[in-house]
Amino acid sequence: MIELNSVSKWYGPFQVLTGCTTEVNKGEVVVVCGPSGSGKSTLIKTVNGLERFQQGEIVVGGQSVGDKRTDLSKLRARVGMVFQHFELFPHLSITANLTLAQIKVLGRDRDTATAKGLALLDRVGLRAHADKYPGQLSGGQQQRVAIARALSMDPIAMLFDEPTSALDPEMINEVLDVMIELAQEGMTMMCVTHEMGFAKKVAHRVLFMDQGLIVEDTHKDAFFDNPQSERAKEFLKRVLPH
């Protein structure tokens, strides 16, 4: 579903990704972890073209992300993205947030888009808040709306960029529960997260990054039970509960 081949990226003279190669198969959940500044968020944003890369190739659902002929707007409609800070439109109601892209990008009529949006709000437990505005919801509720909005586009895969890092501890589980349900239903997912409990529960593989490199790309059990690099061992000591 997602292929990265020798992907490298620079910000001016600074190289942030170095020869990153991996793949995510249909229905697979891959967690990307590593210390701050290791390139995790940059890597996941290259997958749907939010970040340009200078070398290598990325193919999503058979489409080359770096090909100038690829319509990135259409590609992004097929690859859901959930950000750290929700990115909801504050001046639109929750329902309008869920229907806008369906109407503008997918060409759905308003009634169909609204029915789809309300069904997804129900799925994430927020149907009663359909007429509210983002500022009237908690952070956890806003993030669940953001997930519902991404799902409203019928994506072939979902990308999550630290979806719980801006939330209060009490709100984290309500977002992770939705993500776990998606994973169990077979959604192809690539998640940048520090939530190692989530990784242990639903990930098939773990990518561990450091200084722009994919240092380890392995089955989750192998990563947690027997990390191969000293950097990964040090990272796990710091993030896993004693």
Protein backbone atom coordinates (compact mmCIF):
# COMPACT_ATOMS: atom_id res chain seq x y z
CA MET A 1 0.00 0.00 0.00
CA ILE A 2 2.85 2.41 0.91
CA GLU A 3 6.41 2.03 -0.39
CA LEU A 4 9.39 4.21 0.45
CA ASN A 5 12.61 3.61 -1.46
CA SER A 6 15.82 5.43 -0.41
CA VAL A 7 13.98 8.63 0.54
CA SER A 8 16.20 11.57 1.52
CA LYS A 9 15.30 15.14 2.36
CA TRP A 10 17.15 18.33 3.21
CA TYR A 11 16.18 21.65 4.76
CA GLY A 12 18.85 23.79 3.12
CA PRO A 13 22.18 22.21 4.09
CA PHE A 14 20.64 20.13 6.90
CA GLN A 15 19.69 16.56 6.00
CA VAL A 16 16.59 15.44 7.89
CA LEU A 17 15.97 12.07 6.15
CA THR A 18 18.71 9.76 4.91
CA GLY A 19 17.96 6.84 2.59
CA CYS A 20 14.72 5.79 4.29
CA THR A 21 13.33 2.54 2.88
CA THR A 22 10.29 0.63 4.14
CA GLU A 23 6.84 -0.53 3.12
CA VAL A 24 3.41 -0.79 4.71
CA ASN A 25 1.19 -3.57 3.44
CA LYS A 26 -2.59 -3.41 3.19
CA GLY A 27 -4.15 -3.81 6.63
CA GLU A 28 -0.82 -3.38 8.41
CA VAL A 29 -0.28 -1.03 11.35
CA VAL A 30 3.23 0.44 11.53
CA VAL A 31 4.29 2.61 14.46
CA VAL A 32 7.10 5.11 13.89
CA CYS A 33 8.95 6.06 17.06
CA GLY A 34 12.22 7.60 18.14
CA PRO A 35 13.66 10.61 19.98
CA SER A 36 12.60 14.19 19.22
CA GLY A 37 14.19 15.51 16.06
CA SER A 38 14.76 12.07 14.58
CA GLY A 39 12.70 12.78 11.44
CA LYS A 40 9.52 10.86 12.33
CA SER A 41 7.00 13.60 11.49
CA THR A 42 8.92 14.62 8.38
CA LEU A 43 8.91 11.03 7.16
CA ILE A 44 5.17 10.56 7.58
CA LYS A 45 4.42 13.91 5.90
CA THR A 46 6.39 12.90 2.80
CA VAL A 47 3.99 9.97 2.32
CA ASN A 48 1.15 12.21 1.12
CA GLY A 49 3.28 15.03 -0.25
CA LEU A 50 2.90 17.50 2.62
CA GLU A 51 6.70 17.53 2.75
CA ARG A 52 8.70 17.41 -0.47
CA PHE A 53 11.67 15.06 -0.67
CA GLN A 54 14.73 15.48 -2.86
CA GLN A 55 15.85 11.88 -3.45
CA GLY A 56 14.21 8.47 -3.65
CA GLU A 57 10.68 7.37 -4.44
CA ILE A 58 7.39 7.04 -2.56
CA VAL A 59 4.50 5.06 -4.02
CA VAL A 60 1.05 5.05 -2.36
CA GLY A 61 -1.70 2.86 -3.77
CA GLY A 62 0.21 2.57 -7.02
CA GLN A 63 0.73 6.34 -7.39
CA SER A 64 4.16 7.98 -7.26
CA VAL A 65 4.06 10.85 -4.76
CA GLY A 66 7.06 12.63 -6.26
CA ASP A 67 5.84 12.45 -9.87
CA LYS A 68 4.91 15.95 -11.06
CA ARG A 69 1.96 14.45 -12.96
CA THR A 70 0.42 13.10 -9.73
CA ASP A 71 -2.55 15.13 -8.46
CA LEU A 72 -1.56 15.51 -4.81
CA SER A 73 -5.00 16.83 -3.82
CA LYS A 74 -6.62 13.62 -5.04
CA LEU A 75 -3.88 11.54 -3.42
CA ARG A 76 -4.39 13.28 -0.08
CA ALA A 77 -8.11 12.60 -0.33
CA ARG A 78 -7.24 8.88 -0.43
CA VAL A 79 -4.72 9.02 2.43
CA GLY A 80 -6.24 10.33 5.67
CA MET A 81 -4.03 12.51 7.85
CA VAL A 82 -4.56 13.26 11.54
CA PHE A 83 -2.31 15.95 13.01
CA GLN A 84 -1.04 16.73 16.45
CA HIS A 85 -3.13 19.90 16.75
CA PHE A 86 -6.42 18.74 15.17
CA GLU A 87 -6.43 21.37 12.36
CA LEU A 88 -10.23 21.74 12.43
CA PHE A 89 -11.80 24.87 10.93
CA PRO A 90 -12.75 26.89 14.04
CA HIS A 91 -15.43 28.97 12.27
CA LEU A 92 -17.33 25.92 10.98
CA SER A 93 -19.62 23.61 12.90
CA ILE A 94 -18.53 20.04 13.52
CA THR A 95 -20.88 18.82 10.79
CA ALA A 96 -19.52 21.40 8.34
CA ASN A 97 -15.97 20.32 9.17
CA LEU A 98 -16.90 16.78 8.16
CA THR A 99 -18.78 17.65 4.98
CA LEU A 100 -16.68 20.39 3.36
CA ALA A 101 -14.00 18.21 1.77
CA GLN A 102 -16.51 15.52 0.82
CA ILE A 103 -18.44 18.13 -1.20
CA LYS A 104 -15.48 20.09 -2.60
CA VAL A 105 -13.05 17.25 -3.32
CA LEU A 106 -15.19 14.13 -3.78
CA GLY A 107 -18.16 15.91 -5.36
CA ARG A 108 -20.74 14.42 -3.01
CA ASP A 109 -24.06 16.19 -2.63
CA ARG A 110 -24.69 17.85 0.73
CA ASP A 111 -27.24 15.31 1.96
CA THR A 112 -24.95 12.36 1.23
CA ALA A 113 -21.95 14.11 2.80
CA THR A 114 -23.95 15.04 5.88
CA ALA A 115 -25.27 11.50 6.33
CA LYS A 116 -21.71 10.16 6.04
CA GLY A 117 -20.37 12.73 8.50
CA LEU A 118 -23.08 12.09 11.09
CA ALA A 119 -22.58 8.32 10.85
CA LEU A 120 -18.87 8.78 11.54
CA LEU A 121 -19.57 11.16 14.42
CA ASP A 122 -21.76 8.45 15.87
CA ARG A 123 -18.93 5.97 15.41
CA VAL A 124 -16.49 8.10 17.43
CA GLY A 125 -19.15 8.80 20.07
CA LEU A 126 -19.81 12.46 19.26
CA ARG A 127 -23.14 12.50 17.41
CA ALA A 128 -24.66 14.76 20.09
CA HIS A 129 -22.05 17.45 19.33
CA ALA A 130 -22.77 17.75 15.59
CA ASP A 131 -23.97 21.37 15.78
CA LYS A 132 -21.23 22.65 18.08
CA TYR A 133 -18.02 24.39 17.04
CA PRO A 134 -14.50 23.03 17.66
CA GLY A 135 -13.84 25.54 20.45
CA GLN A 136 -16.75 24.08 22.41
CA LEU A 137 -15.17 20.61 22.52
CA SER A 138 -12.33 19.20 24.60
CA GLY A 139 -9.02 18.37 22.96
CA GLY A 140 -9.81 14.67 22.93
CA GLN A 141 -13.18 15.30 21.35
CA GLN A 142 -11.64 17.55 18.69
CA GLN A 143 -9.11 14.86 17.81
CA ARG A 144 -11.87 12.29 17.45
CA VAL A 145 -13.67 14.70 15.10
CA ALA A 146 -10.43 15.03 13.13
CA ILE A 147 -10.27 11.23 12.79
CA ALA A 148 -13.91 11.13 11.68
CA ARG A 149 -13.19 13.86 9.12
CA ALA A 150 -10.30 11.87 7.67
CA LEU A 151 -12.47 8.74 7.52
CA SER A 152 -15.24 10.63 5.72
CA MET A 153 -13.04 10.65 2.61
CA ASP A 154 -13.01 6.81 2.46
CA PRO A 155 -9.20 6.63 2.69
CA ILE A 156 -7.14 3.63 1.60
CA ALA A 157 -4.71 4.36 4.46
CA MET A 158 -4.45 6.61 7.52
CA LEU A 159 -1.45 8.61 8.71
CA PHE A 160 -1.26 9.80 12.33
CA ASP A 161 1.32 12.40 13.39
CA GLU A 162 1.58 12.24 17.19
CA PRO A 163 -2.22 12.42 17.56
CA THR A 164 -2.19 12.33 21.37
CA SER A 165 0.84 14.48 22.23
CA ALA A 166 -1.18 17.71 22.59
CA LEU A 167 -3.80 16.11 24.84
CA ASP A 168 -4.21 16.01 28.59
CA PRO A 169 -3.48 12.51 29.97
CA GLU A 170 -7.18 11.91 30.73
CA MET A 171 -8.09 12.45 27.07
CA ILE A 172 -5.47 10.22 25.48
CA ASN A 173 -7.32 6.91 25.88
CA GLU A 174 -10.49 8.14 24.18
CA VAL A 175 -8.46 8.87 21.04
CA LEU A 176 -6.39 5.69 21.26
CA ASP A 177 -9.59 3.64 21.60
CA VAL A 178 -10.79 4.94 18.21
CA MET A 179 -7.39 4.19 16.66
CA ILE A 180 -7.36 0.67 18.12
CA GLU A 181 -10.81 0.02 16.70
CA LEU A 182 -9.65 1.18 13.27
CA ALA A 183 -6.61 -1.07 13.44
CA GLN A 184 -8.74 -4.07 14.44
CA GLU A 185 -11.02 -3.41 11.46
CA GLY A 186 -8.04 -3.71 9.12
CA MET A 187 -7.28 -0.08 8.28
CA THR A 188 -3.79 0.43 6.87
CA MET A 189 -2.11 2.79 9.35
CA MET A 190 1.20 4.55 9.80
CA CYS A 191 1.43 6.21 13.23
CA VAL A 192 4.05 8.49 14.69
CA THR A 193 3.54 8.13 18.43
CA HIS A 194 5.21 7.82 21.82
CA GLU A 195 2.33 5.69 23.10
CA MET A 196 4.20 2.41 23.48
CA GLY A 197 1.17 0.68 24.99
CA PHE A 198 -0.70 1.36 21.74
CA ALA A 199 2.27 0.06 19.75
CA LYS A 200 2.40 -3.14 21.80
CA LYS A 201 -1.34 -3.70 21.45
CA VAL A 202 -2.02 -3.11 17.76
CA ALA A 203 1.18 -2.52 15.77
CA HIS A 204 2.43 -5.20 13.42
CA ARG A 205 5.81 -3.52 12.98
CA VAL A 206 7.83 -0.76 14.58
CA LEU A 207 10.12 1.67 12.77
CA PHE A 208 12.68 3.21 15.11
CA MET A 209 14.29 6.39 13.80
CA ASP A 210 17.31 8.38 14.92
CA GLN A 211 18.99 11.34 13.21
CA GLY A 212 16.98 10.92 10.01
CA LEU A 213 17.73 7.21 9.65
CA ILE A 214 15.47 4.18 10.01
CA VAL A 215 17.64 2.35 12.54
CA GLU A 216 15.28 -0.59 13.12
CA ASP A 217 12.33 -1.89 11.08
CA THR A 218 11.06 -5.02 12.73
CA HIS A 219 8.13 -6.93 14.20
CA LYS A 220 6.85 -5.25 17.35
CA ASP A 221 7.72 -8.22 19.60
CA ALA A 222 11.30 -8.26 18.36
CA PHE A 223 11.59 -4.52 18.93
CA PHE A 224 10.29 -4.53 22.49
CA ASP A 225 11.87 -7.82 23.56
CA ASN A 226 15.22 -7.60 21.81
CA PRO A 227 16.09 -4.25 20.20
CA GLN A 228 19.23 -4.55 18.09
CA SER A 229 20.69 -1.04 18.36
CA GLU A 230 22.07 0.62 21.46
CA ARG A 231 20.08 3.74 20.58
CA ALA A 232 16.80 1.80 20.59
CA LYS A 233 17.68 0.12 23.90
CA GLU A 234 18.37 3.53 25.45
CA PHE A 235 15.11 4.95 24.04
CA LEU A 236 13.01 2.09 25.40
CA LYS A 237 14.56 2.44 28.86
CA ARG A 238 13.37 6.03 28.92
CA VAL A 239 9.85 5.58 27.56
CA LEU A 240 8.72 2.26 29.00
CA PRO A 241 7.31 2.25 32.54
CA HIS A 242 9.55 0.74 35.20
